[in-house]
C-alpha atoms as a PDB file:
ATOM      1  CA  MET A   1      35.932  69.904 -49.249  1.00  0.00           C
ATOM      2  CA  ALA A   2      35.965  66.949 -46.878  1.00  0.00           C
ATOM      3  CA  VAL A   3      32.831  64.869 -46.460  1.00  0.00           C
ATOM      4  CA  ALA A   4      32.888  61.907 -44.093  1.00  0.00           C
ATOM      5  CA  VAL A   5      30.852  58.819 -44.939  1.00  0.00           C
ATOM      6  CA  LEU A   6      29.277  56.881 -42.066  1.00  0.00           C
ATOM      7  CA  SER A   7      26.957  54.011 -41.624  1.00  0.00           C
ATOM      8  CA  PRO A   8      23.702  55.296 -40.148  1.00  0.00           C
ATOM      9  CA  SER A   9      22.758  54.419 -36.584  1.00  0.00           C
ATOM     10  CA  CYS A  10      19.227  53.931 -35.326  1.00  0.00           C
ATOM     11  CA  ALA A  11      19.316  57.212 -33.356  1.00  0.00           C
ATOM     12  CA  GLY A  12      20.803  59.235 -36.189  1.00  0.00           C
ATOM     13  CA  GLY A  13      24.051  59.613 -34.292  1.00  0.00           C
ATOM     14  CA  ALA A  14      27.518  58.365 -35.148  1.00  0.00           C
ATOM     15  CA  ALA A  15      31.085  58.396 -33.905  1.00  0.00           C
ATOM     16  CA  GLN A  16      32.104  61.740 -32.399  1.00  0.00           C
ATOM     17  CA  GLY A  17      33.464  64.305 -34.837  1.00  0.00           C
ATOM     18  CA  SER A  18      33.226  62.225 -37.997  1.00  0.00           C
ATOM     19  CA  LEU A  19      30.667  64.436 -39.775  1.00  0.00           C
ATOM     20  CA  ALA A  20      31.588  67.681 -38.030  1.00  0.00           C
ATOM     21  CA  GLU A  21      35.190  67.661 -39.235  1.00  0.00           C
ATOM     22  CA  GLY A  22      35.481  69.902 -42.286  1.00  0.00           C
ATOM     23  CA  ALA A  23      31.739  70.635 -42.315  1.00  0.00           C
ATOM     24  CA  PHE A  24      30.400  73.946 -43.574  1.00  0.00           C
ATOM     25  CA  SER A  25      28.975  76.334 -41.003  1.00  0.00           C
ATOM     26  CA  VAL A  26      25.492  77.548 -41.949  1.00  0.00           C
ATOM     27  CA  ASP A  27      26.786  81.020 -42.887  1.00  0.00           C
ATOM     28  CA  SER A  28      29.694  79.698 -44.962  1.00  0.00           C
ATOM     29  CA  LEU A  29      27.377  77.300 -46.813  1.00  0.00           C
ATOM     30  CA  LEU A  30      24.811  80.001 -47.560  1.00  0.00           C
ATOM     31  CA  ASN A  31      27.607  82.185 -48.989  1.00  0.00           C
ATOM     32  CA  VAL A  32      28.303  79.572 -51.702  1.00  0.00           C
ATOM     33  CA  ALA A  33      24.928  77.815 -51.839  1.00  0.00           C
ATOM     34  CA  GLU A  34      24.013  78.899 -55.366  1.00  0.00           C
ATOM     35  CA  PHE A  35      27.147  77.107 -56.643  1.00  0.00           C
ATOM     36  CA  ARG A  36      26.651  73.930 -54.570  1.00  0.00           C
ATOM     37  CA  VAL A  37      23.004  72.997 -55.304  1.00  0.00           C
ATOM     38  CA  GLY A  38      22.802  69.248 -55.847  1.00  0.00           C
ATOM     39  CA  ASP A  39      26.098  68.563 -54.065  1.00  0.00           C
ATOM     40  CA  THR A  40      26.400  66.146 -51.171  1.00  0.00           C
ATOM     41  CA  LEU A  41      28.247  67.937 -48.394  1.00  0.00           C
ATOM     42  CA  ALA A  42      28.596  68.243 -44.633  1.00  0.00           C
ATOM     43  CA  VAL A  43      27.034  71.093 -42.654  1.00  0.00           C
ATOM     44  CA  ARG A  44      26.832  71.806 -38.946  1.00  0.00           C
ATOM     45  CA  GLY A  45      24.749  74.136 -36.837  1.00  0.00           C
ATOM     46  CA  VAL A  46      22.763  74.648 -33.664  1.00  0.00           C
ATOM     47  CA  VAL A  47      19.200  73.285 -33.785  1.00  0.00           C
ATOM     48  CA  ARG A  48      16.815  76.226 -33.282  1.00  0.00           C
ATOM     49  CA  HIS A  49      13.504  74.521 -34.079  1.00  0.00           C
ATOM     50  CA  THR A  50      12.163  71.055 -34.875  1.00  0.00           C
ATOM     51  CA  CYS A  51       8.987  70.342 -36.819  1.00  0.00           C
ATOM     52  CA  ARG A  52       6.062  69.549 -34.537  1.00  0.00           C
ATOM     53  CA  LYS A  53       4.571  67.179 -37.134  1.00  0.00           C
ATOM     54  CA  GLY A  54       6.738  64.130 -36.624  1.00  0.00           C
ATOM     55  CA  GLY A  55      10.127  65.882 -36.499  1.00  0.00           C
ATOM     56  CA  LEU A  56      10.625  65.529 -40.226  1.00  0.00           C
ATOM     57  CA  ARG A  57      12.672  68.728 -40.391  1.00  0.00           C
ATOM     58  CA  CYS A  58      14.676  71.065 -38.224  1.00  0.00           C
ATOM     59  CA  TYR A  59      16.194  74.508 -38.596  1.00  0.00           C
ATOM     60  CA  VAL A  60      19.850  75.064 -37.749  1.00  0.00           C
ATOM     61  CA  SER A  61      21.969  78.193 -37.540  1.00  0.00           C
ATOM     62  CA  ASP A  62      25.405  79.261 -36.455  1.00  0.00           C
ATOM     63  CA  LYS A  63      25.758  80.275 -32.823  1.00  0.00           C
ATOM     64  CA  ASP A  64      24.640  83.884 -33.545  1.00  0.00           C
ATOM     65  CA  GLY A  65      21.352  82.573 -34.972  1.00  0.00           C
ATOM     66  CA  GLU A  66      21.165  85.136 -37.769  1.00  0.00           C
ATOM     67  CA  ASN A  67      20.859  82.823 -40.818  1.00  0.00           C
ATOM     68  CA  LYS A  68      18.933  79.557 -40.689  1.00  0.00           C
ATOM     69  CA  LEU A  69      18.947  76.465 -42.880  1.00  0.00           C
ATOM     70  CA  ARG A  70      16.105  73.940 -43.029  1.00  0.00           C
ATOM     71  CA  ILE A  71      17.256  70.347 -42.884  1.00  0.00           C
ATOM     72  CA  ASN A  72      14.895  67.517 -43.801  1.00  0.00           C
ATOM     73  CA  ALA A  73      15.399  64.373 -41.710  1.00  0.00           C
ATOM     74  CA  PRO A  74      17.071  61.314 -43.199  1.00  0.00           C
ATOM     75  CA  GLU A  75      14.658  58.742 -44.592  1.00  0.00           C
ATOM     76  CA  GLY A  76      13.038  56.772 -41.789  1.00  0.00           C
ATOM     77  CA  GLN A  77      14.391  59.094 -39.071  1.00  0.00           C
ATOM     78  CA  SER A  78      13.228  62.242 -37.310  1.00  0.00           C
ATOM     79  CA  PHE A  79      14.540  65.161 -35.257  1.00  0.00           C
ATOM     80  CA  SER A  80      13.294  65.199 -31.654  1.00  0.00           C
ATOM     81  CA  ASP A  81      12.549  68.333 -29.633  1.00  0.00           C
ATOM     82  CA  GLU A  82      15.394  67.266 -27.334  1.00  0.00           C
ATOM     83  CA  LEU A  83      17.835  68.411 -30.055  1.00  0.00           C
ATOM     84  CA  ILE A  84      16.854  72.084 -29.676  1.00  0.00           C
ATOM     85  CA  GLY A  85      19.940  73.964 -28.515  1.00  0.00           C
ATOM     86  CA  SER A  86      22.296  71.116 -29.495  1.00  0.00           C
ATOM     87  CA  GLU A  87      24.814  71.300 -32.303  1.00  0.00           C
ATOM     88  CA  ILE A  88      24.381  68.722 -35.046  1.00  0.00           C
ATOM     89  CA  ALA A  89      26.373  67.872 -38.137  1.00  0.00           C
ATOM     90  CA  CYS A  90      24.899  66.134 -41.131  1.00  0.00           C
ATOM     91  CA  ARG A  91      25.796  64.816 -44.531  1.00  0.00           C
ATOM     92  CA  ALA A  92      23.165  66.163 -46.881  1.00  0.00           C
ATOM     93  CA  VAL A  93      22.257  67.092 -50.427  1.00  0.00           C
ATOM     94  CA  LEU A  94      21.852  70.858 -50.841  1.00  0.00           C
ATOM     95  CA  CYS A  95      18.603  71.826 -52.584  1.00  0.00           C
ATOM     96  CA  GLU A  96      17.040  75.052 -53.838  1.00  0.00           C
ATOM     97  CA  ASN A  97      13.462  76.234 -54.070  1.00  0.00           C
ATOM     98  CA  ARG A  98      13.023  79.278 -56.303  1.00  0.00           C
ATOM     99  CA  VAL A  99      10.184  81.594 -55.349  1.00  0.00           C
ATOM    100  CA  MET A 100       9.258  83.563 -58.463  1.00  0.00           C
ATOM    101  CA  ALA A 101       8.561  87.315 -58.377  1.00  0.00           C
ATOM    102  CA  HIS A 102       4.970  86.843 -59.597  1.00  0.00           C
ATOM    103  CA  GLU A 103       4.342  84.444 -56.679  1.00  0.00           C
ATOM    104  CA  VAL A 104       5.597  87.046 -54.193  1.00  0.00           C
ATOM    105  CA  ASP A 105       3.459  89.748 -55.832  1.00  0.00           C
ATOM    106  CA  SER A 106       0.365  87.500 -55.723  1.00  0.00           C
ATOM    107  CA  ALA A 107       0.933  86.639 -52.063  1.00  0.00           C
ATOM    108  CA  LEU A 108       1.398  90.313 -51.142  1.00  0.00           C
ATOM    109  CA  ALA A 109      -1.818  91.217 -52.996  1.00  0.00           C
ATOM    110  CA  ALA A 110      -3.694  88.433 -51.194  1.00  0.00           C
ATOM    111  CA  LEU A 111      -2.457  89.714 -47.823  1.00  0.00           C
ATOM    112  CA  GLU A 112      -3.791  93.182 -48.614  1.00  0.00           C
ATOM    113  CA  SER A 113      -7.306  91.780 -48.885  1.00  0.00           C
ATOM    114  CA  VAL A 114      -7.186  89.787 -45.620  1.00  0.00           C
ATOM    115  CA  GLU A 115      -9.373  91.016 -42.792  1.00  0.00           C
ATOM    116  CA  PRO A 116      -7.356  90.268 -39.631  1.00  0.00           C
ATOM    117  CA  VAL A 117      -9.165  88.277 -36.932  1.00  0.00           C
ATOM    118  CA  GLY A 118      -7.747  87.979 -33.425  1.00  0.00           C
ATOM    119  CA  GLY A 119      -4.024  87.129 -33.448  1.00  0.00           C
ATOM    120  CA  GLU A 120      -3.793  87.072 -37.248  1.00  0.00           C
ATOM    121  CA  VAL A 121      -2.623  90.699 -37.357  1.00  0.00           C
ATOM    122  CA  ASP A 122       0.879  89.717 -36.199  1.00  0.00           C
ATOM    123  CA  HIS A 123       0.973  86.719 -38.545  1.00  0.00           C
ATOM    124  CA  CYS A 124      -0.139  88.814 -41.543  1.00  0.00           C
ATOM    125  CA  GLU A 125       2.347  91.574 -40.721  1.00  0.00           C
ATOM    126  CA  SER A 126       5.156  89.037 -40.342  1.00  0.00           C
ATOM    127  CA  SER A 127       4.257  87.436 -43.687  1.00  0.00           C
ATOM    128  CA  ARG A 128       4.028  90.836 -45.358  1.00  0.00           C
ATOM    129  CA  ASN A 129       7.459  91.814 -44.003  1.00  0.00           C
ATOM    130  CA  ASP A 130       8.989  88.523 -45.157  1.00  0.00           C
ATOM    131  CA  LEU A 131       7.526  88.840 -48.653  1.00  0.00           C
ATOM    132  CA  SER A 132       8.527  92.504 -48.916  1.00  0.00           C
ATOM    133  CA  ALA A 133      12.112  91.590 -47.953  1.00  0.00           C
ATOM    134  CA  LYS A 134      12.169  88.902 -50.663  1.00  0.00           C
ATOM    135  CA  LYS A 135      10.854  91.377 -53.221  1.00  0.00           C
ATOM    136  CA  ALA A 136      13.479  93.988 -52.218  1.00  0.00           C
ATOM    137  CA  TYR A 137      16.234  91.354 -52.473  1.00  0.00           C
ATOM    138  CA  MET A 138      15.125  90.362 -55.986  1.00  0.00           C
ATOM    139  CA  GLU A 139      15.072  94.005 -57.069  1.00  0.00           C
ATOM    140  CA  LEU A 140      18.525  94.592 -55.579  1.00  0.00           C
ATOM    141  CA  LYS A 141      19.949  91.529 -57.366  1.00  0.00           C
ATOM    142  CA  GLY A 142      18.056  92.164 -60.615  1.00  0.00           C
ATOM    143  CA  GLN A 143      16.503  88.677 -60.451  1.00  0.00           C
ATOM    144  CA  ASP A 144      12.950  87.483 -60.988  1.00  0.00           C
ATOM    145  CA  TYR A 145      13.266  84.830 -58.261  1.00  0.00           C
ATOM    146  CA  TYR A 146      14.314  84.405 -54.633  1.00  0.00           C
ATOM    147  CA  SER A 147      16.293  81.286 -53.701  1.00  0.00           C
ATOM    148  CA  GLU A 148      15.380  79.369 -50.564  1.00  0.00           C
ATOM    149  CA  PHE A 149      18.071  76.800 -49.794  1.00  0.00           C
ATOM    150  CA  PHE A 150      17.504  73.661 -47.721  1.00  0.00           C
ATOM    151  CA  ALA A 151      19.234  70.334 -47.197  1.00  0.00           C
ATOM    152  CA  ASP A 152      17.999  66.750 -47.476  1.00  0.00           C
ATOM    153  CA  ALA A 153      19.963  64.916 -44.776  1.00  0.00           C
ATOM    154  CA  LEU A 154      21.352  61.484 -45.499  1.00  0.00           C
ATOM    155  CA  GLU A 155      22.602  61.102 -41.916  1.00  0.00           C
ATOM    156  CA  TYR A 156      23.296  63.249 -38.888  1.00  0.00           C
ATOM    157  CA  GLU A 157      25.000  63.235 -35.529  1.00  0.00           C
ATOM    158  CA  VAL A 158      24.956  65.323 -32.379  1.00  0.00           C
ATOM    159  CA  VAL A 159      28.344  67.058 -32.136  1.00  0.00           C
ATOM    160  CA  GLY A 160      30.277  66.271 -28.967  1.00  0.00           C
ATOM    161  CA  GLN A 161      28.346  63.152 -27.951  1.00  0.00           C
END
C-alpha cells in the first residue's frame, strides 16, 4: 500500500498525482475497511456533496456513485461547493462508528410514533428505509452492530489540477 506524504498547501491542493497514485477507490476501501480502521491511507473519489455548514465534510464515491464515504476536512481547512463533481484524493485516517442494534430498534420505534407534517413524510420514509436496511444487514451478518466508515483527512488535493 503506497501512501504519499505531502506538505499541506493553503488551498488543500498539492502537486498533481502525488496523493492519487496508489490510492484506494471508495469501493475497494469499503471492501477492506473493517481491517483498516485506524490506518492512515490514501483514498480517491468524486465529490458528490459538501457540508453546507462550513464545508467541514464532504461525501465521495467512485464514478458510479453507488457507495459513498464521508471525509472530514483537514484541520483548519474546508471543502467548498466548487469541488462537487471533481475528483479528489486525500491522505486520511480511516475511522468507524458502530451503530448498535438497540439504537436502530429505538429509532425505528420513534419513527412509528411520528405524525408527519408537510414534507416530513418523505424524510420519515427515507429514514425508516435506511434504518430497516441497517437492521436487515445486521441480521444477515449475525452482528449486533452496523459499521459506518468515514475518514479524517490530513490533506487532500484535486486530481488532475
